[in-house]
Protein backbone atom coordinates (compact mmCIF):
# COMPACT_ATOMS: atom_id res chain seq x y z
CA MET A 1 192.71 29.64 -53.24
CA THR A 2 188.93 29.63 -52.97
CA ILE A 3 186.91 28.06 -55.78
CA GLY A 4 183.22 28.82 -56.13
CA PHE A 5 180.52 26.73 -57.77
CA VAL A 6 177.34 28.08 -59.31
CA GLY A 7 175.01 25.13 -58.98
CA PHE A 8 175.77 22.18 -56.73
CA GLY A 9 174.22 19.13 -58.32
CA GLU A 10 175.86 15.81 -59.02
CA ALA A 11 178.60 17.13 -61.29
CA GLY A 12 179.51 20.18 -59.23
CA SER A 13 179.54 18.40 -55.90
CA THR A 14 181.60 15.50 -57.27
CA ILE A 15 184.22 17.84 -58.73
CA ALA A 16 184.23 19.87 -55.52
CA GLY A 17 184.84 16.78 -53.43
CA GLY A 18 187.78 15.83 -55.60
CA LEU A 19 189.28 19.29 -55.44
CA ARG A 20 188.96 19.30 -51.68
CA SER A 21 190.72 15.94 -51.37
CA ALA A 22 193.45 17.21 -53.71
CA GLY A 23 194.25 20.09 -51.39
CA CYS A 24 191.99 22.99 -52.36
CA ASP A 25 191.90 25.23 -49.29
CA ARG A 26 188.29 26.36 -49.50
CA ILE A 27 185.27 25.70 -51.71
CA VAL A 28 182.02 27.65 -51.69
CA ALA A 29 178.83 27.10 -53.64
CA PHE A 30 175.56 28.82 -54.43
CA ASP A 31 172.55 26.81 -55.55
CA ILE A 32 169.11 28.36 -56.07
CA ASN A 33 167.51 25.13 -54.83
CA ARG A 34 169.27 25.13 -51.46
CA HIS A 35 166.08 25.96 -49.57
CA ASP A 36 163.78 23.86 -51.76
CA PRO A 37 161.99 21.29 -49.54
CA SER A 38 162.72 18.40 -51.89
CA ARG A 39 166.16 19.30 -53.26
CA GLY A 40 167.62 21.28 -50.40
CA PRO A 41 168.50 18.37 -48.08
CA LEU A 42 170.50 16.65 -50.84
CA ILE A 43 172.41 19.87 -51.57
CA GLU A 44 173.19 20.28 -47.87
CA ARG A 45 174.37 16.68 -47.64
CA ARG A 46 176.60 17.02 -50.70
CA ALA A 47 178.12 20.18 -49.26
CA ALA A 48 178.87 18.47 -45.96
CA GLU A 49 180.42 15.45 -47.69
CA SER A 50 182.65 17.59 -49.92
CA GLY A 51 183.66 20.13 -47.28
CA THR A 52 181.92 22.92 -49.19
CA THR A 53 180.50 26.08 -47.65
CA LEU A 54 177.09 27.04 -49.03
CA VAL A 55 176.40 30.75 -49.50
CA ASP A 56 173.10 32.54 -49.90
CA SER A 57 173.56 34.63 -53.06
CA PRO A 58 175.65 35.09 -56.21
CA ALA A 59 177.10 38.22 -54.59
CA ASP A 60 178.36 36.16 -51.65
CA LEU A 61 179.80 33.56 -54.00
CA VAL A 62 181.74 36.11 -56.04
CA ARG A 63 182.96 37.90 -52.93
CA GLU A 64 184.42 34.66 -51.60
CA SER A 65 185.90 33.27 -54.85
CA ARG A 66 188.45 34.06 -57.50
CA ILE A 67 187.65 31.09 -59.74
CA ILE A 68 183.97 30.42 -60.42
CA LEU A 69 182.81 27.18 -62.04
CA SER A 70 179.28 27.04 -63.44
CA THR A 71 177.82 23.54 -63.10
CA VAL A 72 174.09 24.07 -63.55
CA THR A 73 171.65 22.41 -65.93
CA SER A 74 172.20 23.33 -69.57
CA ASN A 75 168.98 25.33 -69.83
CA ALA A 76 170.01 27.44 -66.83
CA SER A 77 173.58 28.23 -67.90
CA LEU A 78 172.89 31.66 -69.40
CA ASP A 79 170.67 32.68 -66.49
CA ALA A 80 173.38 31.59 -64.05
CA ALA A 81 175.94 33.77 -65.81
CA SER A 82 173.55 36.74 -65.98
CA GLN A 83 172.74 36.48 -62.26
CA THR A 84 176.42 36.27 -61.35
CA ALA A 85 177.74 38.90 -63.76
CA PRO A 86 176.75 42.04 -61.79
CA PHE A 87 179.22 41.04 -59.07
CA LEU A 88 182.17 39.95 -61.22
CA THR A 89 185.37 42.00 -61.47
CA PRO A 90 188.54 41.75 -63.56
CA GLU A 91 190.02 39.64 -60.75
CA HIS A 92 187.66 36.75 -61.51
CA VAL A 93 187.80 33.82 -63.90
CA TYR A 94 184.36 32.45 -64.78
CA ALA A 95 184.31 28.99 -66.37
CA ASP A 96 181.18 27.42 -67.83
CA LEU A 97 181.27 23.60 -67.61
CA ASN A 98 177.75 23.02 -68.91
CA SER A 99 176.82 21.00 -71.98
CA VAL A 100 175.50 23.73 -74.26
CA SER A 101 175.88 24.72 -77.90
CA PRO A 102 178.81 26.77 -79.19
CA GLY A 103 176.45 29.67 -79.80
CA LEU A 104 175.23 29.65 -76.21
CA LYS A 105 178.81 29.44 -74.91
CA GLN A 106 179.52 32.58 -76.93
CA GLN A 107 176.50 34.34 -75.43
CA ILE A 108 177.63 33.42 -71.93
CA GLY A 109 181.14 34.58 -72.77
CA ALA A 110 179.82 37.96 -73.89
CA VAL A 111 177.94 38.39 -70.59
CA VAL A 112 181.08 37.62 -68.60
CA ASP A 113 183.47 39.64 -70.79
CA ALA A 114 181.34 42.75 -70.34
CA THR A 115 182.24 42.72 -66.63
CA GLY A 116 185.99 42.65 -67.23
CA ALA A 117 186.23 39.12 -65.83
CA ARG A 118 187.89 36.41 -67.94
CA PHE A 119 185.67 33.74 -69.46
CA VAL A 120 186.70 30.14 -70.16
CA GLU A 121 184.51 27.60 -71.88
CA VAL A 122 184.93 24.06 -70.59
CA ALA A 123 183.70 20.91 -72.28
CA VAL A 124 183.48 17.94 -69.90
CA MET A 125 184.37 14.99 -72.09
CA ALA A 126 183.27 12.00 -69.95
CA PRO A 127 180.88 11.25 -67.08
CA VAL A 128 182.13 13.03 -63.97
CA ALA A 129 181.76 9.84 -61.96
CA PRO A 130 184.01 7.92 -61.45
CA TYR A 131 186.71 10.40 -62.53
CA GLY A 132 185.70 13.14 -60.12
CA HIS A 133 187.69 16.35 -60.57
CA ARG A 134 190.08 14.45 -62.87
CA VAL A 135 187.44 13.97 -65.55
CA PRO A 136 188.91 14.95 -68.95
CA MET A 137 188.04 18.53 -69.92
CA LEU A 138 188.69 20.70 -72.96
CA LEU A 139 189.28 24.40 -72.30
CA GLY A 140 188.78 27.19 -74.81
CA GLY A 141 189.16 30.95 -74.91
CA PRO A 142 191.97 33.47 -74.30
CA ALA A 143 192.04 32.75 -70.56
CA ALA A 144 192.05 28.96 -70.91
CA ALA A 145 195.77 28.54 -70.29
CA GLU A 146 195.58 30.82 -67.25
CA LEU A 147 192.80 28.74 -65.70
CA ALA A 148 194.62 25.50 -66.47
CA GLY A 149 197.67 26.84 -64.67
CA MET A 150 195.63 27.87 -61.63
CA LEU A 151 194.03 24.42 -61.37
CA ALA A 152 197.16 22.41 -62.21
CA PRO A 153 198.15 21.83 -58.57
CA PHE A 154 194.98 19.78 -58.04
CA GLY A 155 195.75 17.18 -60.68
CA MET A 156 192.89 18.01 -63.00
CA LYS A 157 193.04 16.61 -66.54
CA LEU A 158 192.76 19.78 -68.61
CA GLU A 159 193.53 20.15 -72.31
CA VAL A 160 193.73 23.67 -73.72
CA LEU A 161 192.60 24.12 -77.32
CA ALA A 162 195.39 26.30 -78.67
CA GLY A 163 194.02 29.28 -80.55
CA GLY A 164 190.48 27.97 -80.26
CA ASP A 165 187.71 30.55 -80.30
CA ILE A 166 184.92 30.39 -77.76
CA GLY A 167 182.63 27.61 -78.94
CA ALA A 168 185.32 25.30 -80.32
CA ALA A 169 185.42 23.10 -77.21
CA ALA A 170 181.63 22.98 -77.10
CA ALA A 171 181.56 21.87 -80.74
CA VAL A 172 183.81 18.91 -79.88
CA LYS A 173 181.53 17.99 -76.98
CA MET A 174 178.30 18.38 -78.97
CA CYS A 175 179.46 16.31 -81.94
CA ARG A 176 180.81 13.60 -79.64
CA SER A 177 177.42 13.46 -77.92
CA ILE A 178 175.71 12.66 -81.22
CA VAL A 179 177.51 9.32 -81.06
CA VAL A 180 177.64 8.66 -77.31
CA LYS A 181 174.09 9.66 -76.36
CA GLY A 182 172.79 8.37 -79.67
CA LEU A 183 174.37 4.98 -79.03
CA GLU A 184 172.75 4.91 -75.60
CA ALA A 185 169.37 5.55 -77.18
CA LEU A 186 169.98 2.90 -79.86
CA MET A 187 171.05 0.35 -77.26
CA CYS A 188 167.98 1.06 -75.16
CA GLU A 189 165.69 0.66 -78.14
CA CYS A 190 167.46 -2.52 -79.22
CA VAL A 191 166.93 -4.06 -75.78
CA LEU A 192 163.27 -3.04 -75.66
CA GLY A 193 162.64 -4.70 -79.02
CA ALA A 194 164.83 -7.78 -78.81
CA SER A 195 163.64 -8.73 -75.33
CA GLN A 196 160.04 -8.96 -76.52
CA TYR A 197 161.11 -11.81 -78.79
CA GLY A 198 163.59 -13.39 -76.38
CA ALA A 199 166.25 -12.50 -78.92
CA ASP A 200 168.53 -10.23 -76.90
CA GLU A 201 171.23 -12.85 -76.17
CA GLN A 202 171.43 -13.77 -79.84
CA VAL A 203 171.55 -10.13 -80.88
CA PHE A 204 174.51 -9.44 -78.60
CA ALA A 205 176.29 -12.59 -79.75
CA SER A 206 175.93 -11.42 -83.35
CA LEU A 207 177.19 -7.93 -82.48
CA ASN A 208 180.19 -9.46 -80.72
CA GLU A 209 181.12 -11.20 -83.95
CA SER A 210 180.60 -8.13 -86.09
CA PHE A 211 182.47 -5.79 -83.73
CA PRO A 212 185.10 -7.90 -81.93
CA GLY A 213 186.61 -6.45 -78.81
CA VAL A 214 183.33 -5.03 -77.51
CA ASP A 215 181.23 -6.86 -74.93
CA TRP A 216 177.84 -5.70 -76.21
CA LYS A 217 175.77 -7.15 -73.40
CA LYS A 218 177.96 -5.44 -70.82
CA LEU A 219 177.72 -2.24 -72.83
CA ALA A 220 173.93 -2.57 -72.92
CA ASP A 221 173.78 -2.96 -69.15
CA TYR A 222 175.85 0.18 -68.72
CA MET A 223 174.18 2.34 -71.37
CA VAL A 224 170.59 1.47 -70.49
CA GLY A 225 171.46 2.31 -66.90
CA ARG A 226 172.81 5.72 -67.96
CA VAL A 227 169.59 6.46 -69.85
CA VAL A 228 167.58 5.57 -66.75
CA VAL A 229 169.63 7.70 -64.37
CA HIS A 230 170.46 10.66 -66.60
CA GLY A 231 167.71 10.69 -69.23
CA GLU A 232 166.41 14.15 -68.33
CA ARG A 233 169.83 15.80 -68.39
CA ARG A 234 170.86 13.97 -71.54
CA ALA A 235 167.66 15.00 -73.31
CA ARG A 236 168.38 18.65 -72.56
CA GLU A 237 171.96 18.24 -73.76
CA MET A 238 170.81 16.66 -77.00
CA GLU A 239 168.47 19.58 -77.57
CA GLU A 240 171.58 21.74 -77.47
CA VAL A 241 173.23 19.36 -79.93
CA ALA A 242 170.26 19.71 -82.28
CA GLU A 243 170.47 23.50 -82.02
CA THR A 244 174.19 23.33 -82.77
CA LEU A 245 173.51 21.40 -85.96
CA ARG A 246 170.64 23.62 -87.06
CA ALA A 247 172.84 26.69 -86.69
CA ILE A 248 175.20 25.34 -89.36
CA GLY A 249 172.47 24.04 -91.67
CA VAL A 250 172.55 20.35 -90.69
CA ASP A 251 169.15 18.74 -90.13
CA PRO A 252 169.44 17.13 -86.65
CA ILE A 253 167.46 14.00 -87.50
CA MET A 254 169.35 11.63 -85.21
CA ALA A 255 169.88 14.15 -82.42
CA GLU A 256 166.16 14.86 -82.18
CA ALA A 257 165.36 11.15 -82.12
CA THR A 258 167.86 10.71 -79.30
CA VAL A 259 166.08 13.44 -77.34
CA ARG A 260 162.84 11.44 -77.57
CA ARG A 261 164.34 8.20 -76.27
CA GLN A 262 166.30 9.86 -73.46
CA GLU A 263 163.22 11.83 -72.45
CA TRP A 264 161.13 8.65 -72.50
CA ALA A 265 163.06 7.27 -69.52
CA ALA A 266 162.71 10.57 -67.67
CA ARG A 267 158.96 10.74 -68.34
CA LEU A 268 158.44 7.29 -66.83
CA ASP A 269 160.62 8.27 -63.84
CA LEU A 270 162.43 4.95 -64.13
CA LYS A 271 165.29 6.10 -61.92
CA SER A 272 162.96 6.30 -58.91
CA HIS A 273 162.90 2.48 -58.87
CA PHE A 274 166.64 2.23 -58.27
CA GLY A 275 169.33 3.56 -55.98
CA PRO A 276 171.58 6.50 -56.86
CA ASP A 277 173.81 4.30 -59.03
CA GLY A 278 170.86 3.10 -61.10
CA PRO A 279 170.19 -0.42 -62.36
CA ARG A 280 172.99 -2.96 -62.63
CA THR A 281 171.57 -4.63 -65.75
CA TYR A 282 169.10 -3.82 -68.48
CA ARG A 283 166.96 -6.76 -67.33
CA GLU A 284 166.24 -4.91 -64.09
CA VAL A 285 164.81 -2.08 -66.19
CA LEU A 286 162.72 -4.51 -68.21
CA ASP A 287 161.33 -5.92 -64.96
CA VAL A 288 160.26 -2.44 -63.85
CA LEU A 289 158.58 -1.79 -67.19
CA ALA A 290 156.77 -5.12 -66.97
CA ARG A 291 155.44 -4.26 -63.50
CA GLN A 292 154.32 -0.84 -64.67
CA HIS A 293 152.49 -2.46 -67.57
CA GLU A 294 150.79 -4.92 -65.21
CA HIS A 295 149.48 -1.99 -63.19
CA GLY A 296 148.03 -0.33 -66.26
CA ALA A 297 150.74 2.24 -66.94
CA VAL A 298 151.13 3.32 -70.56
CA ILE A 299 154.83 2.84 -71.17
CA ASN A 300 154.75 3.54 -74.94
CA GLN A 301 158.06 1.86 -75.58
């Protein structure tokens, strides 16, 4: 079985590597940035590490694959489907793994369905790393059980939403993100404020008493690091969350605020000061901000 990836960033390449190690015979990928001077070398390296063959066009990808997994950025998900659709046939299963609103999943599904191919919406329910291809996923749509059966030999953790319409899995993902990404933003803002008063240790001690069983300082180290590394992608996802809420008449007050804080880290390019795994502690991030401030940067915390 050959599996194709549309987009070969962090998520796609990590899943591909896991599938390869689990026995997938052949993996191919198409990424529009393959020949980009800045992004291309990383894509080539990821392909080499995961045993993936890069192809030059959506037509080549479809010709080589029966299962196609879309792992692009959320704002490119519909374009990716539209560019791939002219080459799809009823033999193909096209699964969208991107963090987008239920309405956008339905639009993508309509594009794919018009070709005769089967569409599956997939909601990735945890960070791909460290789970790899075994990251928990929710599958929705009439072809969800078929796709789950095709991927079962590779040990993927797939849950099919029985009877769920297209958009149901995305709704679970979007509403979960209100809490997860919102908590990241809250933790980041808490650290930025408390540290200015030397109060962060006391704040976490108090939280430990109020919410026993949670190591709040450890959680802060982890969550602030995720904001630093993934702020741009999370901001785009939370824009989809806000759109999801607006579509059903809920004012996305908290979702929009989360977009601002996640985007703040991206705007300052904080991740460029760390390795690919990001900072180990929130204090490392505070040190970077302090140095930027010393050099006259406007950090607008």
